[in-house]
Protein backbone atom coordinates (compact mmCIF):
# COMPACT_ATOMS: atom_id res chain seq x y z
CA MET A 1 1.02 10.67 -12.02
CA THR A 2 -1.27 12.87 -9.98
CA ARG A 3 -2.54 12.23 -6.46
CA SER A 4 -5.97 11.25 -7.80
CA GLU A 5 -4.51 8.93 -10.44
CA PHE A 6 -2.38 7.23 -7.80
CA LEU A 7 -5.29 6.70 -5.42
CA LEU A 8 -7.64 5.42 -8.13
CA SER A 9 -5.09 3.05 -9.66
CA THR A 10 -4.01 1.75 -6.24
CA GLN A 11 -7.56 1.15 -5.02
CA ARG A 12 -8.44 -0.60 -8.27
CA ALA A 13 -5.27 -2.71 -8.07
CA LEU A 14 -6.04 -3.77 -4.48
CA LEU A 15 -9.40 -5.32 -5.40
CA GLY A 16 -9.11 -8.99 -4.57
CA PHE A 17 -5.73 -8.68 -2.86
CA ILE A 18 -6.70 -7.34 0.57
CA THR A 19 -6.61 -10.01 3.25
CA ALA A 20 -7.40 -9.83 6.96
CA ASN A 21 -3.77 -9.12 7.89
CA VAL A 22 -3.45 -5.97 5.73
CA ARG A 23 -3.91 -2.97 8.02
CA SER A 24 -3.05 -0.13 5.67
CA VAL A 25 -1.90 0.71 2.16
CA SER A 26 -0.52 4.18 1.57
CA GLY A 27 1.71 5.94 -0.87
CA ASN A 28 3.74 8.98 -1.72
CA ILE A 29 4.68 10.80 -4.89
CA GLU A 30 7.98 12.63 -4.74
CA GLY A 31 9.56 13.93 -7.91
CA GLN A 32 9.39 11.05 -10.39
CA THR A 33 9.22 8.36 -7.68
CA ILE A 34 6.11 6.63 -6.39
CA SER A 35 6.29 4.75 -3.09
CA ILE A 36 3.69 2.35 -1.77
CA ARG A 37 3.73 1.09 1.82
CA TYR A 38 1.89 -2.00 3.02
CA ILE A 39 1.44 -2.25 6.78
CA ILE A 40 0.78 -5.84 7.83
CA ASP A 41 -0.52 -7.28 11.09
CA GLY A 42 1.61 -10.29 11.98
CA GLU A 43 4.31 -12.09 10.07
CA ILE A 44 4.81 -11.01 6.49
CA ASP A 45 4.91 -14.37 4.77
CA GLU A 46 5.93 -14.95 1.17
CA ALA A 47 2.33 -15.47 0.00
CA THR A 48 1.24 -12.09 1.39
CA ARG A 49 4.25 -10.37 -0.14
CA GLU A 50 3.59 -11.97 -3.55
CA GLU A 51 -0.12 -11.11 -3.54
CA LEU A 52 0.49 -7.48 -2.67
CA SER A 53 3.33 -7.27 -5.19
CA CYS A 54 0.78 -8.32 -7.83
CA ALA A 55 -1.29 -5.29 -6.83
CA SER A 56 1.84 -3.13 -7.06
CA THR A 57 2.45 -4.45 -10.57
CA GLU A 58 -0.99 -3.20 -11.60
CA VAL A 59 -0.12 0.26 -10.27
CA ILE A 60 3.21 0.19 -12.12
CA ALA A 61 1.41 -0.76 -15.34
CA VAL A 62 -0.37 2.61 -15.50
CA MET A 63 2.76 4.67 -14.73
CA ASP A 64 4.77 6.44 -17.39
CA ALA A 65 8.10 4.78 -18.20
CA ASP A 66 10.17 7.61 -16.75
CA TRP A 67 8.81 7.08 -13.20
CA SER A 68 10.47 4.88 -10.60
CA PHE A 69 8.64 2.76 -8.04
CA GLU A 70 9.41 1.40 -4.59
CA GLU A 71 7.33 -0.79 -2.31
CA GLN A 72 7.69 -1.25 1.42
CA PHE A 73 6.35 -4.03 3.63
CA ILE A 74 6.18 -3.12 7.31
CA ARG A 75 5.05 -5.32 10.15
CA LEU A 76 3.06 -3.36 12.71
CA ASP A 77 0.91 -5.57 14.90
CA ALA A 78 -2.47 -4.40 16.21
CA PRO A 79 -3.34 -2.73 18.52
CA THR A 80 -0.30 -0.50 17.81
CA ARG A 81 -1.69 2.69 16.28
CA LEU A 82 -1.09 3.44 12.63
CA ARG A 83 -0.73 7.17 13.21
CA GLY A 84 2.62 8.34 11.90
CA GLN A 85 3.34 5.04 10.13
CA THR A 86 1.47 5.61 6.88
CA LEU A 87 2.58 7.65 3.90
CA PRO A 88 0.59 10.79 2.97
CA LEU A 89 -1.70 9.22 0.34
CA LEU A 90 -3.92 6.72 2.14
CA ALA A 91 -5.48 4.21 -0.28
CA TYR A 92 -6.76 1.67 2.27
CA GLU A 93 -7.09 1.34 6.03
CA ARG A 94 -8.95 -1.47 7.73
CA PHE A 95 -11.47 -0.77 10.47
CA GLU A 96 -9.99 -1.27 13.92
CA PRO A 97 -12.21 -0.47 16.92
CA ALA A 98 -10.69 1.99 19.38
CA GLN A 99 -9.16 0.26 22.39
């Protein structure tokens, strides 16, 4: 999977799954492993985890069988800055006015 394929499939998969508490969705491709990191504002409840895992499933569906996948859910409450917390391939970042 290329960088462009990852970003397009992730952004397409996120349609309908982004809620107000999702601050960022980013990823990384290393070797044959794709990682996706969800940064959440506030408690990461089971409903949020399940919804975003559905989006992850859509990304997995377009991957070749020989790739592995990992997802990470990180709580990072606003106004803590996202800088340094996201993975290199940024698929989504919510607007947060500068403090």
